[in-house]
Amino acid sequence: MKENFNKNLMKALESSRLAVDICKQAMLDANDESCRALYTAIIKDCQKHIEMLNGEIDLHIDQKKWEEE
């Protein structure tokens, strides 16, 4: 069961990282400041989620609940 928790954490982490990458490209492609403001806000949110997910992963590792595949 804990393996699913770990897989879900990794999926969420990968998704957040992908969202950051997409938004960075979208910032380059944006044609107005309101779009850039939107993507900037999303990037900030995703970066916060990445920090939170990394913290949870570290906690799982410390608690010996993390198994590498």
PDB file of N, CA and C in Angstrom:
ATOM      1  N   MET A   1       0.811  -1.191   0.000  1.00  0.00           N
ATOM      2  CA  MET A   1       0.000   0.000   0.000  1.00  0.00           C
ATOM      3  C   MET A   1       0.861   1.264   0.000  1.00  0.00           C
ATOM      4  N   LYS A   2       1.952   1.270   0.754  1.00  0.00           N
ATOM      5  CA  LYS A   2       2.794   2.455   0.787  1.00  0.00           C
ATOM      6  C   LYS A   2       3.438   2.726  -0.573  1.00  0.00           C
ATOM      7  N   GLU A   3       3.590   1.674  -1.379  1.00  0.00           N
ATOM      8  CA  GLU A   3       4.160   1.866  -2.700  1.00  0.00           C
ATOM      9  C   GLU A   3       3.254   2.776  -3.537  1.00  0.00           C
ATOM     10  N   ASN A   4       1.928   2.620  -3.384  1.00  0.00           N
ATOM     11  CA  ASN A   4       1.001   3.493  -4.097  1.00  0.00           C
ATOM     12  C   ASN A   4       1.142   4.931  -3.637  1.00  0.00           C
ATOM     13  N   PHE A   5       1.323   5.141  -2.332  1.00  0.00           N
ATOM     14  CA  PHE A   5       1.540   6.491  -1.834  1.00  0.00           C
ATOM     15  C   PHE A   5       2.779   7.089  -2.482  1.00  0.00           C
ATOM     16  N   ASN A   6       3.845   6.312  -2.539  1.00  0.00           N
ATOM     17  CA  ASN A   6       5.083   6.793  -3.134  1.00  0.00           C
ATOM     18  C   ASN A   6       4.909   7.066  -4.629  1.00  0.00           C
ATOM     19  N   LYS A   7       4.211   6.167  -5.322  1.00  0.00           N
ATOM     20  CA  LYS A   7       3.965   6.379  -6.747  1.00  0.00           C
ATOM     21  C   LYS A   7       3.132   7.626  -6.970  1.00  0.00           C
ATOM     22  N   ASN A   8       2.139   7.828  -6.120  1.00  0.00           N
ATOM     23  CA  ASN A   8       1.303   9.018  -6.256  1.00  0.00           C
ATOM     24  C   ASN A   8       2.097  10.293  -6.006  1.00  0.00           C
ATOM     25  N   LEU A   9       2.983  10.257  -5.017  1.00  0.00           N
ATOM     26  CA  LEU A   9       3.844  11.417  -4.775  1.00  0.00           C
ATOM     27  C   LEU A   9       4.716  11.702  -5.988  1.00  0.00           C
ATOM     28  N   MET A  10       5.290  10.655  -6.569  1.00  0.00           N
ATOM     29  CA  MET A  10       6.145  10.842  -7.737  1.00  0.00           C
ATOM     30  C   MET A  10       5.351  11.355  -8.937  1.00  0.00           C
ATOM     31  N   LYS A  11       4.145  10.844  -9.140  1.00  0.00           N
ATOM     32  CA  LYS A  11       3.298  11.328 -10.229  1.00  0.00           C
ATOM     33  C   LYS A  11       2.962  12.804 -10.045  1.00  0.00           C
ATOM     34  N   ALA A  12       2.615  13.183  -8.828  1.00  0.00           N
ATOM     35  CA  ALA A  12       2.288  14.579  -8.544  1.00  0.00           C
ATOM     36  C   ALA A  12       3.510  15.469  -8.750  1.00  0.00           C
ATOM     37  N   LEU A  13       4.681  14.990  -8.322  1.00  0.00           N
ATOM     38  CA  LEU A  13       5.918  15.751  -8.495  1.00  0.00           C
ATOM     39  C   LEU A  13       6.234  15.923  -9.971  1.00  0.00           C
ATOM     40  N   GLU A  14       6.159  14.845 -10.723  1.00  0.00           N
ATOM     41  CA  GLU A  14       6.428  14.916 -12.166  1.00  0.00           C
ATOM     42  C   GLU A  14       5.431  15.841 -12.861  1.00  0.00           C
ATOM     43  N   SER A  15       4.171  15.777 -12.470  1.00  0.00           N
ATOM     44  CA  SER A  15       3.143  16.622 -13.077  1.00  0.00           C
ATOM     45  C   SER A  15       3.395  18.099 -12.769  1.00  0.00           C
ATOM     46  N   SER A  16       3.789  18.385 -11.548  1.00  0.00           N
ATOM     47  CA  SER A  16       4.071  19.775 -11.177  1.00  0.00           C
ATOM     48  C   SER A  16       5.279  20.304 -11.939  1.00  0.00           C
ATOM     49  N   ARG A  17       6.286  19.473 -12.077  1.00  0.00           N
ATOM     50  CA  ARG A  17       7.473  19.883 -12.848  1.00  0.00           C
ATOM     51  C   ARG A  17       7.113  20.111 -14.316  1.00  0.00           C
ATOM     52  N   LEU A  18       6.287  19.235 -14.860  1.00  0.00           N
ATOM     53  CA  LEU A  18       5.849  19.391 -16.243  1.00  0.00           C
ATOM     54  C   LEU A  18       5.043  20.676 -16.407  1.00  0.00           C
ATOM     55  N   ALA A  19       4.171  20.968 -15.456  1.00  0.00           N
ATOM     56  CA  ALA A  19       3.376  22.196 -15.520  1.00  0.00           C
ATOM     57  C   ALA A  19       4.279  23.429 -15.519  1.00  0.00           C
ATOM     58  N   VAL A  20       5.335  23.410 -14.721  1.00  0.00           N
ATOM     59  CA  VAL A  20       6.285  24.523 -14.704  1.00  0.00           C
ATOM     60  C   VAL A  20       6.929  24.673 -16.087  1.00  0.00           C
ATOM     61  N   ASP A  21       7.369  23.577 -16.656  1.00  0.00           N
ATOM     62  CA  ASP A  21       7.997  23.625 -17.980  1.00  0.00           C
ATOM     63  C   ASP A  21       7.037  24.168 -19.038  1.00  0.00           C
ATOM     64  N   ILE A  22       5.801  23.713 -19.003  1.00  0.00           N
ATOM     65  CA  ILE A  22       4.798  24.179 -19.967  1.00  0.00           C
ATOM     66  C   ILE A  22       4.554  25.677 -19.793  1.00  0.00           C
ATOM     67  N   CYS A  23       4.421  26.111 -18.555  1.00  0.00           N
ATOM     68  CA  CYS A  23       4.160  27.526 -18.302  1.00  0.00           C
ATOM     69  C   CYS A  23       5.349  28.405 -18.682  1.00  0.00           C
ATOM     70  N   LYS A  24       6.551  27.906 -18.497  1.00  0.00           N
ATOM     71  CA  LYS A  24       7.732  28.678 -18.927  1.00  0.00           C
ATOM     72  C   LYS A  24       7.723  28.863 -20.439  1.00  0.00           C
ATOM     73  N   GLN A  25       7.374  27.819 -21.173  1.00  0.00           N
ATOM     74  CA  GLN A  25       7.271  27.947 -22.628  1.00  0.00           C
ATOM     75  C   GLN A  25       6.119  28.873 -22.997  1.00  0.00           C
ATOM     76  N   ALA A  26       5.008  28.743 -22.283  1.00  0.00           N
ATOM     77  CA  ALA A  26       3.851  29.599 -22.551  1.00  0.00           C
ATOM     78  C   ALA A  26       4.191  31.067 -22.301  1.00  0.00           C
ATOM     79  N   MET A  27       5.038  31.349 -21.326  1.00  0.00           N
ATOM     80  CA  MET A  27       5.475  32.728 -21.073  1.00  0.00           C
ATOM     81  C   MET A  27       6.187  33.287 -22.292  1.00  0.00           C
ATOM     82  N   LEU A  28       6.987  32.470 -22.936  1.00  0.00           N
ATOM     83  CA  LEU A  28       7.696  32.920 -24.134  1.00  0.00           C
ATOM     84  C   LEU A  28       6.731  33.154 -25.296  1.00  0.00           C
ATOM     85  N   ASP A  29       5.697  32.343 -25.353  1.00  0.00           N
ATOM     86  CA  ASP A  29       4.732  32.421 -26.442  1.00  0.00           C
ATOM     87  C   ASP A  29       3.611  33.432 -26.191  1.00  0.00           C
ATOM     88  N   ALA A  30       3.461  33.884 -24.951  1.00  0.00           N
ATOM     89  CA  ALA A  30       2.349  34.771 -24.592  1.00  0.00           C
ATOM     90  C   ALA A  30       2.422  36.081 -25.372  1.00  0.00           C
ATOM     91  N   ASN A  31       1.233  36.603 -25.683  1.00  0.00           N
ATOM     92  CA  ASN A  31       1.211  37.837 -26.468  1.00  0.00           C
ATOM     93  C   ASN A  31       0.724  39.047 -25.684  1.00  0.00           C
ATOM     94  N   ASP A  32       0.508  38.892 -24.383  1.00  0.00           N
ATOM     95  CA  ASP A  32       0.142  40.059 -23.577  1.00  0.00           C
ATOM     96  C   ASP A  32       0.509  39.829 -22.113  1.00  0.00           C
ATOM     97  N   GLU A  33       0.479  40.920 -21.366  1.00  0.00           N
ATOM     98  CA  GLU A  33       0.909  40.870 -19.960  1.00  0.00           C
ATOM     99  C   GLU A  33      -0.043  40.075 -19.070  1.00  0.00           C
ATOM    100  N   SER A  34      -1.327  40.045 -19.390  1.00  0.00           N
ATOM    101  CA  SER A  34      -2.246  39.289 -18.541  1.00  0.00           C
ATOM    102  C   SER A  34      -1.955  37.796 -18.628  1.00  0.00           C
ATOM    103  N   CYS A  35      -1.600  37.325 -19.817  1.00  0.00           N
ATOM    104  CA  CYS A  35      -1.220  35.913 -19.963  1.00  0.00           C
ATOM    105  C   CYS A  35       0.067  35.631 -19.187  1.00  0.00           C
ATOM    106  N   ARG A  36       1.027  36.532 -19.307  1.00  0.00           N
ATOM    107  CA  ARG A  36       2.285  36.337 -18.582  1.00  0.00           C
ATOM    108  C   ARG A  36       2.051  36.329 -17.074  1.00  0.00           C
ATOM    109  N   ALA A  37       1.152  37.186 -16.594  1.00  0.00           N
ATOM    110  CA  ALA A  37       0.831  37.220 -15.169  1.00  0.00           C
ATOM    111  C   ALA A  37       0.205  35.892 -14.735  1.00  0.00           C
ATOM    112  N   LEU A  38      -0.682  35.355 -15.557  1.00  0.00           N
ATOM    113  CA  LEU A  38      -1.312  34.070 -15.264  1.00  0.00           C
ATOM    114  C   LEU A  38      -0.265  32.969 -15.158  1.00  0.00           C
ATOM    115  N   TYR A  39       0.604  32.878 -16.155  1.00  0.00           N
ATOM    116  CA  TYR A  39       1.616  31.822 -16.155  1.00  0.00           C
ATOM    117  C   TYR A  39       2.613  31.991 -15.011  1.00  0.00           C
ATOM    118  N   THR A  40       2.930  33.240 -14.676  1.00  0.00           N
ATOM    119  CA  THR A  40       3.823  33.499 -13.546  1.00  0.00           C
ATOM    120  C   THR A  40       3.208  32.984 -12.250  1.00  0.00           C
ATOM    121  N   ALA A  41       1.919  33.236 -12.056  1.00  0.00           N
ATOM    122  CA  ALA A  41       1.228  32.771 -10.854  1.00  0.00           C
ATOM    123  C   ALA A  41       1.183  31.249 -10.799  1.00  0.00           C
ATOM    124  N   ILE A  42       0.924  30.616 -11.929  1.00  0.00           N
ATOM    125  CA  ILE A  42       0.882  29.153 -11.967  1.00  0.00           C
ATOM    126  C   ILE A  42       2.256  28.573 -11.644  1.00  0.00           C
ATOM    127  N   ILE A  43       3.292  29.162 -12.204  1.00  0.00           N
ATOM    128  CA  ILE A  43       4.657  28.702 -11.921  1.00  0.00           C
ATOM    129  C   ILE A  43       4.951  28.794 -10.426  1.00  0.00           C
ATOM    130  N   LYS A  44       4.598  29.921  -9.810  1.00  0.00           N
ATOM    131  CA  LYS A  44       4.824  30.081  -8.367  1.00  0.00           C
ATOM    132  C   LYS A  44       4.088  29.010  -7.570  1.00  0.00           C
ATOM    133  N   ASP A  45       2.828  28.777  -7.928  1.00  0.00           N
ATOM    134  CA  ASP A  45       2.043  27.754  -7.231  1.00  0.00           C
ATOM    135  C   ASP A  45       2.680  26.376  -7.395  1.00  0.00           C
ATOM    136  N   CYS A  46       3.054  26.047  -8.616  1.00  0.00           N
ATOM    137  CA  CYS A  46       3.647  24.728  -8.871  1.00  0.00           C
ATOM    138  C   CYS A  46       4.973  24.565  -8.130  1.00  0.00           C
ATOM    139  N   GLN A  47       5.768  25.632  -8.079  1.00  0.00           N
ATOM    140  CA  GLN A  47       7.034  25.554  -7.358  1.00  0.00           C
ATOM    141  C   GLN A  47       6.794  25.307  -5.870  1.00  0.00           C
ATOM    142  N   LYS A  48       5.738  25.901  -5.329  1.00  0.00           N
ATOM    143  CA  LYS A  48       5.379  25.651  -3.926  1.00  0.00           C
ATOM    144  C   LYS A  48       4.949  24.194  -3.755  1.00  0.00           C
ATOM    145  N   HIS A  49       4.172  23.684  -4.700  1.00  0.00           N
ATOM    146  CA  HIS A  49       3.749  22.279  -4.637  1.00  0.00           C
ATOM    147  C   HIS A  49       4.957  21.350  -4.723  1.00  0.00           C
ATOM    148  N   ILE A  50       5.914  21.682  -5.568  1.00  0.00           N
ATOM    149  CA  ILE A  50       7.134  20.876  -5.693  1.00  0.00           C
ATOM    150  C   ILE A  50       7.870  20.831  -4.355  1.00  0.00           C
ATOM    151  N   GLU A  51       7.985  21.990  -3.691  1.00  0.00           N
ATOM    152  CA  GLU A  51       8.634  22.029  -2.371  1.00  0.00           C
ATOM    153  C   GLU A  51       7.890  21.139  -1.374  1.00  0.00           C
ATOM    154  N   MET A  52       6.565  21.230  -1.373  1.00  0.00           N
ATOM    155  CA  MET A  52       5.760  20.438  -0.453  1.00  0.00           C
ATOM    156  C   MET A  52       5.917  18.946  -0.740  1.00  0.00           C
ATOM    157  N   LEU A  53       5.885  18.574  -2.002  1.00  0.00           N
ATOM    158  CA  LEU A  53       6.027  17.171  -2.376  1.00  0.00           C
ATOM    159  C   LEU A  53       7.412  16.644  -2.011  1.00  0.00           C
ATOM    160  N   ASN A  54       8.447  17.437  -2.270  1.00  0.00           N
ATOM    161  CA  ASN A  54       9.798  17.023  -1.890  1.00  0.00           C
ATOM    162  C   ASN A  54       9.901  16.843  -0.379  1.00  0.00           C
ATOM    163  N   GLY A  55       9.244  17.707   0.386  1.00  0.00           N
ATOM    164  CA  GLY A  55       9.231  17.574   1.834  1.00  0.00           C
ATOM    165  C   GLY A  55       8.548  16.290   2.275  1.00  0.00           C
ATOM    166  N   GLU A  56       7.455  15.952   1.624  1.00  0.00           N
ATOM    167  CA  GLU A  56       6.738  14.720   1.966  1.00  0.00           C
ATOM    168  C   GLU A  56       7.567  13.487   1.595  1.00  0.00           C
ATOM    169  N   ILE A  57       8.240  13.553   0.453  1.00  0.00           N
ATOM    170  CA  ILE A  57       9.113  12.449   0.047  1.00  0.00           C
ATOM    171  C   ILE A  57      10.235  12.280   1.073  1.00  0.00           C
ATOM    172  N   ASP A  58      10.849  13.398   1.490  1.00  0.00           N
ATOM    173  CA  ASP A  58      11.905  13.333   2.512  1.00  0.00           C
ATOM    174  C   ASP A  58      11.378  12.725   3.801  1.00  0.00           C
ATOM    175  N   LEU A  59      10.158  13.089   4.176  1.00  0.00           N
ATOM    176  CA  LEU A  59       9.546  12.525   5.376  1.00  0.00           C
ATOM    177  C   LEU A  59       9.356  11.016   5.244  1.00  0.00           C
ATOM    178  N   HIS A  60       8.898  10.575   4.086  1.00  0.00           N
ATOM    179  CA  HIS A  60       8.733   9.134   3.844  1.00  0.00           C
ATOM    180  C   HIS A  60      10.082   8.421   3.931  1.00  0.00           C
ATOM    181  N   ILE A  61      11.109   9.040   3.388  1.00  0.00           N
ATOM    182  CA  ILE A  61      12.451   8.440   3.442  1.00  0.00           C
ATOM    183  C   ILE A  61      12.910   8.337   4.895  1.00  0.00           C
ATOM    184  N   ASP A  62      12.746   9.433   5.656  1.00  0.00           N
ATOM    185  CA  ASP A  62      13.157   9.436   7.066  1.00  0.00           C
ATOM    186  C   ASP A  62      12.397   8.390   7.884  1.00  0.00           C
ATOM    187  N   GLN A  63      11.133   8.177   7.538  1.00  0.00           N
ATOM    188  CA  GLN A  63      10.300   7.235   8.272  1.00  0.00           C
ATOM    189  C   GLN A  63      10.418   5.810   7.729  1.00  0.00           C
ATOM    190  N   LYS A  64      11.349   5.625   6.802  1.00  0.00           N
ATOM    191  CA  LYS A  64      11.591   4.300   6.197  1.00  0.00           C
ATOM    192  C   LYS A  64      10.344   3.780   5.466  1.00  0.00           C
ATOM    193  N   LYS A  65       9.575   4.700   4.885  1.00  0.00           N
ATOM    194  CA  LYS A  65       8.383   4.338   4.120  1.00  0.00           C
ATOM    195  C   LYS A  65       8.624   4.443   2.621  1.00  0.00           C
ATOM    196  N   TRP A  66       9.864   4.715   2.245  1.00  0.00           N
ATOM    197  CA  TRP A  66      10.178   4.953   0.837  1.00  0.00           C
ATOM    198  C   TRP A  66      10.985   3.793   0.298  1.00  0.00           C
ATOM    199  N   GLU A  67      10.546   3.267  -0.807  1.00  0.00           N
ATOM    200  CA  GLU A  67      11.290   2.196  -1.452  1.00  0.00           C
ATOM    201  C   GLU A  67      11.547   2.594  -2.889  1.00  0.00           C
ATOM    202  N   GLU A  68      12.809   2.585  -3.270  1.00  0.00           N
ATOM    203  CA  GLU A  68      13.181   2.877  -4.660  1.00  0.00           C
ATOM    204  C   GLU A  68      12.833   1.688  -5.515  1.00  0.00           C
ATOM    205  N   GLU A  69      12.382   1.976  -6.707  1.00  0.00           N
ATOM    206  CA  GLU A  69      12.056   0.874  -7.631  1.00  0.00           C
ATOM    207  C   GLU A  69      13.261   0.481  -8.426  1.00  0.00           C
TER     208      GLU A  69
END
